[in-house]
Protein backbone atom coordinates (compact mmCIF):
# COMPACT_ATOMS: atom_id res chain seq x y z
CA SER A 1 137.29 -102.99 -39.08
CA LEU A 2 135.77 -105.40 -41.59
CA VAL A 3 132.55 -105.62 -39.57
CA LEU A 4 132.15 -101.84 -39.66
CA LEU A 5 132.90 -101.74 -43.37
CA HIS A 6 130.37 -104.50 -43.97
CA ARG A 7 127.69 -102.59 -42.05
CA LEU A 8 128.50 -99.39 -43.93
CA LEU A 9 128.19 -101.13 -47.29
CA LEU A 10 124.92 -102.74 -46.21
CA PHE A 11 123.58 -99.34 -45.18
CA LEU A 12 124.56 -97.88 -48.56
CA VAL A 13 122.86 -100.76 -50.38
CA LEU A 14 119.65 -100.27 -48.41
CA LEU A 15 119.80 -96.51 -48.98
CA ILE A 16 120.23 -96.95 -52.73
CA ALA A 17 117.41 -99.49 -52.78
CA LEU A 18 115.14 -97.11 -50.87
CA LEU A 19 115.95 -94.21 -53.18
CA SER A 20 115.37 -96.38 -56.23
CA CYS A 21 111.96 -97.41 -54.88
CA VAL A 22 111.01 -93.76 -54.33
CA SER A 23 112.15 -92.83 -57.83
CA ALA A 24 110.36 -95.87 -59.22
CA VAL A 25 107.02 -94.34 -58.24
CA ASP A 26 107.82 -91.29 -60.36
CA LYS A 27 109.15 -93.40 -63.22
CA LEU A 28 105.79 -95.12 -63.61
CA ASN A 29 104.13 -91.85 -64.59
CA MET A 30 106.48 -89.20 -65.94
CA CYS A 31 107.34 -87.22 -69.05
CA MET A 32 110.69 -86.90 -70.78
CA ASP A 33 112.46 -83.57 -70.81
CA GLY A 34 112.14 -83.16 -74.57
CA LYS A 35 111.31 -80.53 -77.14
CA HIS A 36 107.54 -80.99 -77.19
CA GLN A 37 106.57 -83.02 -74.10
CA ILE A 38 104.76 -81.31 -71.23
CA SER A 39 106.26 -81.44 -67.73
CA GLU A 40 103.80 -83.90 -66.17
CA PRO A 41 101.27 -86.37 -67.62
CA ARG A 42 97.65 -85.24 -67.71
CA PRO A 43 94.38 -86.07 -69.52
CA GLU A 44 94.32 -84.63 -73.05
CA GLY A 45 90.90 -85.46 -74.46
CA GLN A 46 91.46 -83.93 -77.91
CA LEU A 47 94.48 -85.97 -79.04
CA TYR A 48 94.51 -86.41 -82.81
CA GLN A 49 93.79 -89.66 -84.71
CA GLN A 50 96.56 -92.21 -84.10
CA CYS A 51 97.59 -90.50 -80.86
CA ALA A 52 94.08 -90.80 -79.38
CA PRO A 53 94.87 -93.95 -77.32
CA TRP A 54 96.89 -91.75 -74.92
CA LYS A 55 94.07 -89.22 -74.33
CA ASP A 56 93.40 -90.32 -70.72
CA ASN A 57 96.99 -89.69 -69.59
CA ALA A 58 99.49 -88.08 -71.94
CA CYS A 59 102.78 -86.22 -72.16
CA CYS A 60 101.70 -84.51 -75.40
CA THR A 61 99.21 -81.82 -76.41
CA ALA A 62 96.57 -81.89 -79.11
CA ASN A 63 98.64 -79.53 -81.28
CA THR A 64 101.66 -81.83 -81.07
CA THR A 65 99.61 -84.86 -82.08
CA GLU A 66 98.06 -83.05 -85.03
CA GLU A 67 101.51 -82.06 -86.25
CA ALA A 68 102.71 -85.66 -85.80
CA HIS A 69 100.42 -86.62 -88.68
CA GLN A 70 101.81 -84.02 -91.10
CA ASP A 71 104.64 -84.40 -93.60
CA ASN A 72 107.50 -82.04 -92.73
CA SER A 73 105.71 -80.91 -89.56
CA TYR A 74 107.19 -78.21 -87.37
CA LEU A 75 107.94 -80.82 -84.67
CA TYR A 76 111.35 -81.73 -86.12
CA ASN A 77 111.15 -80.67 -89.81
CA PHE A 78 111.67 -84.33 -90.63
CA ASN A 79 110.98 -85.42 -94.20
CA TRP A 80 109.63 -88.96 -94.45
CA ASN A 81 109.78 -88.69 -98.25
CA HIS A 82 113.56 -88.38 -98.57
CA CYS A 83 113.71 -91.27 -101.05
CA GLY A 84 110.48 -90.81 -102.92
CA THR A 85 107.02 -90.80 -101.39
CA MET A 86 106.75 -93.08 -98.37
CA SER A 87 103.86 -95.53 -98.63
CA ASP A 88 100.82 -94.80 -96.49
CA LYS A 89 101.03 -98.12 -94.65
CA CYS A 90 104.67 -97.48 -93.74
CA LYS A 91 104.02 -93.88 -92.72
CA GLU A 92 101.28 -95.02 -90.34
CA HIS A 93 103.92 -96.80 -88.27
CA PHE A 94 106.13 -93.72 -88.09
CA ILE A 95 103.17 -91.63 -87.02
CA GLN A 96 102.42 -94.22 -84.33
CA ASP A 97 106.08 -94.20 -83.32
CA THR A 98 105.90 -90.39 -82.97
CA CYS A 99 102.72 -90.64 -80.88
CA PHE A 100 104.34 -93.26 -78.65
CA TYR A 101 107.47 -91.16 -78.20
CA GLU A 102 105.72 -87.83 -77.61
CA CYS A 103 102.74 -89.03 -75.55
CA SER A 104 103.82 -92.03 -73.46
CA PRO A 105 103.84 -91.39 -69.68
CA HIS A 106 105.29 -94.82 -68.87
CA LEU A 107 108.78 -94.71 -70.40
CA GLY A 108 110.52 -93.90 -67.10
CA PRO A 109 112.60 -97.08 -66.82
CA TRP A 110 114.31 -96.31 -70.14
CA ILE A 111 114.80 -92.53 -69.96
CA GLN A 112 118.42 -91.41 -69.98
CA PRO A 113 120.19 -88.03 -70.20
CA ALA A 114 120.75 -86.73 -73.74
CA SER A 115 123.13 -84.11 -75.04
CA GLU A 116 121.19 -83.00 -78.12
CA SER A 117 120.29 -79.32 -78.39
CA TRP A 118 116.58 -80.19 -78.80
CA ARG A 119 116.18 -82.47 -75.78
CA LYS A 120 117.75 -83.16 -72.40
CA GLU A 121 116.51 -86.75 -72.17
CA ARG A 122 115.93 -89.68 -74.51
CA ILE A 123 114.80 -93.31 -74.35
CA VAL A 124 117.20 -96.25 -74.75
CA ASP A 125 116.42 -99.96 -75.29
CA VAL A 126 112.66 -99.78 -74.78
CA PRO A 127 111.57 -103.44 -75.25
CA LEU A 128 109.10 -103.40 -78.13
CA CYS A 129 106.53 -106.14 -78.54
CA LEU A 130 107.27 -108.55 -81.37
CA GLU A 131 104.04 -107.82 -83.23
CA ASP A 132 104.69 -104.06 -83.36
CA CYS A 133 108.24 -104.35 -84.64
CA GLU A 134 107.52 -107.08 -87.19
CA SER A 135 104.44 -105.36 -88.63
CA TRP A 136 106.36 -102.07 -88.88
CA PHE A 137 109.09 -103.79 -90.86
CA GLU A 138 106.64 -105.74 -93.00
CA ASP A 139 104.69 -102.61 -93.97
CA CYS A 140 107.84 -100.65 -94.88
CA LYS A 141 109.93 -103.28 -96.66
CA GLU A 142 108.86 -102.14 -100.15
CA ASP A 143 109.83 -98.53 -99.37
CA PHE A 144 113.21 -96.83 -99.89
CA THR A 145 115.68 -95.01 -97.67
CA CYS A 146 119.35 -94.01 -97.71
CA LYS A 147 120.34 -94.35 -94.04
CA GLU A 148 120.02 -96.87 -91.23
CA ASN A 149 120.33 -94.31 -88.40
CA TRP A 150 117.76 -91.56 -88.85
CA HIS A 151 118.84 -89.66 -85.74
CA LYS A 152 121.96 -88.12 -87.26
CA GLY A 153 124.07 -87.67 -90.38
CA TRP A 154 121.47 -85.96 -92.60
CA ASP A 155 122.10 -82.98 -94.85
CA TRP A 156 120.09 -80.21 -93.15
CA SER A 157 121.38 -77.35 -95.37
CA SER A 158 117.91 -76.81 -96.89
CA GLY A 159 116.15 -76.77 -93.51
CA ILE A 160 114.78 -80.31 -93.82
CA ASN A 161 116.65 -83.60 -93.85
CA ARG A 162 118.07 -84.78 -97.15
CA CYS A 163 120.19 -87.82 -97.89
CA PRO A 164 123.90 -87.11 -97.38
CA ARG A 165 126.00 -86.81 -100.54
CA ASP A 166 127.86 -90.08 -100.02
CA SER A 167 124.61 -92.10 -99.79
CA HIS A 168 122.06 -93.36 -102.27
CA CYS A 169 118.47 -94.51 -101.97
CA SER A 170 118.09 -98.27 -101.62
CA ARG A 171 115.26 -100.67 -101.00
CA TRP A 172 114.32 -100.86 -97.32
CA THR A 173 115.53 -104.43 -96.93
CA GLU A 174 118.99 -103.53 -98.24
CA ILE A 175 119.38 -100.94 -95.48
CA PHE A 176 117.53 -103.01 -92.86
CA PRO A 177 117.95 -106.77 -93.50
CA SER A 178 115.58 -107.66 -90.66
CA ALA A 179 112.96 -106.24 -88.34
CA GLN A 180 115.52 -106.28 -85.54
CA ASP A 181 117.95 -104.20 -87.61
CA MET A 182 115.28 -101.60 -88.29
CA CYS A 183 113.77 -101.33 -84.82
CA GLU A 184 117.12 -101.08 -83.05
CA LYS A 185 119.15 -98.99 -85.49
CA ILE A 186 116.72 -96.49 -86.97
CA TRP A 187 116.54 -94.30 -83.83
CA SER A 188 119.97 -95.00 -82.26
CA ASN A 189 118.87 -97.92 -80.07
CA SER A 190 115.83 -96.16 -78.68
CA TYR A 191 114.07 -99.51 -79.09
CA LYS A 192 115.08 -103.06 -78.27
CA TYR A 193 113.84 -105.90 -80.46
CA THR A 194 112.26 -108.71 -78.44
CA THR A 195 110.46 -111.97 -79.11
CA LEU A 196 107.98 -111.06 -76.37
CA THR A 197 104.35 -110.83 -77.50
CA LYS A 198 101.68 -108.40 -76.35
CA ASP A 199 100.03 -110.97 -74.10
CA SER A 200 103.30 -111.41 -72.15
CA GLY A 201 102.96 -108.13 -70.25
CA ARG A 202 106.73 -107.74 -70.58
CA CYS A 203 107.02 -105.53 -73.68
CA MET A 204 105.87 -102.05 -74.62
CA GLN A 205 103.00 -101.69 -77.08
CA MET A 206 102.95 -98.91 -79.68
CA TRP A 207 99.52 -99.95 -80.94
CA PHE A 208 96.74 -100.57 -78.41
CA THR A 209 93.08 -99.86 -77.76
CA GLY A 210 91.41 -99.25 -74.43
CA PRO A 211 93.40 -98.68 -71.23
CA ASN A 212 97.13 -98.17 -71.73
CA PRO A 213 98.80 -101.56 -71.08
CA ASN A 214 102.30 -100.09 -70.77
CA ARG A 215 102.10 -98.94 -67.17
CA GLU A 216 102.11 -102.56 -65.98
CA VAL A 217 105.12 -103.28 -68.20
CA ALA A 218 107.06 -100.36 -66.74
CA GLU A 219 106.07 -101.49 -63.26
CA TYR A 220 107.40 -104.97 -63.98
CA TYR A 221 110.82 -103.63 -64.99
CA LEU A 222 110.97 -101.34 -61.98
CA SER A 223 109.72 -103.77 -59.34
CA GLY A 224 111.29 -107.05 -60.44
CA GLY A 225 114.35 -108.68 -58.89
CA PRO A 226 117.60 -106.72 -58.43
CA GLU A 227 118.86 -107.71 -61.90
CA THR A 228 115.61 -106.57 -63.55
CA VAL A 229 115.64 -103.27 -61.68
CA ALA A 230 119.25 -102.72 -62.65
CA MET A 231 118.51 -103.37 -66.30
CA ALA A 232 115.63 -100.92 -66.26
CA THR A 233 117.15 -98.15 -64.13
CA GLY A 234 120.91 -98.48 -64.48
CA LEU A 235 121.45 -99.59 -60.87
CA GLN A 236 124.14 -102.13 -61.75
CA VAL A 237 126.17 -100.91 -58.77
CA LEU A 238 123.39 -102.01 -56.43
CA VAL A 239 123.45 -105.54 -57.86
CA LEU A 240 127.22 -105.73 -57.51
CA LEU A 241 127.13 -104.63 -53.86
CA VAL A 242 124.36 -107.11 -53.06
CA MET A 243 126.42 -109.92 -54.58
CA LEU A 244 129.52 -108.86 -52.61
CA LEU A 245 127.61 -108.89 -49.33
CA ARG A 246 126.07 -112.34 -49.84
């Protein structure tokens, strides 16, 4: 009967909600299943230079963070200098981006399965704070590159990434007209451009000092209303069922 169906759907909604709450605890402090991340976050007191802010609770090791600061490091054999030498101020942001990606234990709401040979999970649409994205763009806009998506499409025949034959090096702002273009496109939508500032508590900070502020941000996206939870965890089905049962 309709009453029985209604009760069954309500039970399923509550079950999904309960499971999502249980998983939310894990998603506040977890590591991606990637090439260099460790299985569970832990203190790593010897993290190198720009990765040091994560030393109290990290998904990376000291060796990984030292390599993150090297050109053509063994981490991914990625060549920042594919269109001439990248400026130091621009490179600092990419090092910080690498530290954030490798070390962050609070990316759970945005981790999704990945099919690449070098990782089983990736991040998608992590909401970056306005200051971090804008300063990254500002410090790189005099540099040069040949591609807007740095995740794929390179010529790897030499063992490191080179510009593909059908491309040419152009000024940064020709490839990325705006900070939003750069932050969202350069790593296949790993990041989401926002107008949220660091004092909002609603965006993830790449650059910080002192205690990591990103746990509270992750908690907000996991413990908000049904729509917020769905956006952060992919539980759109839960929202739909709740609306149907109202």
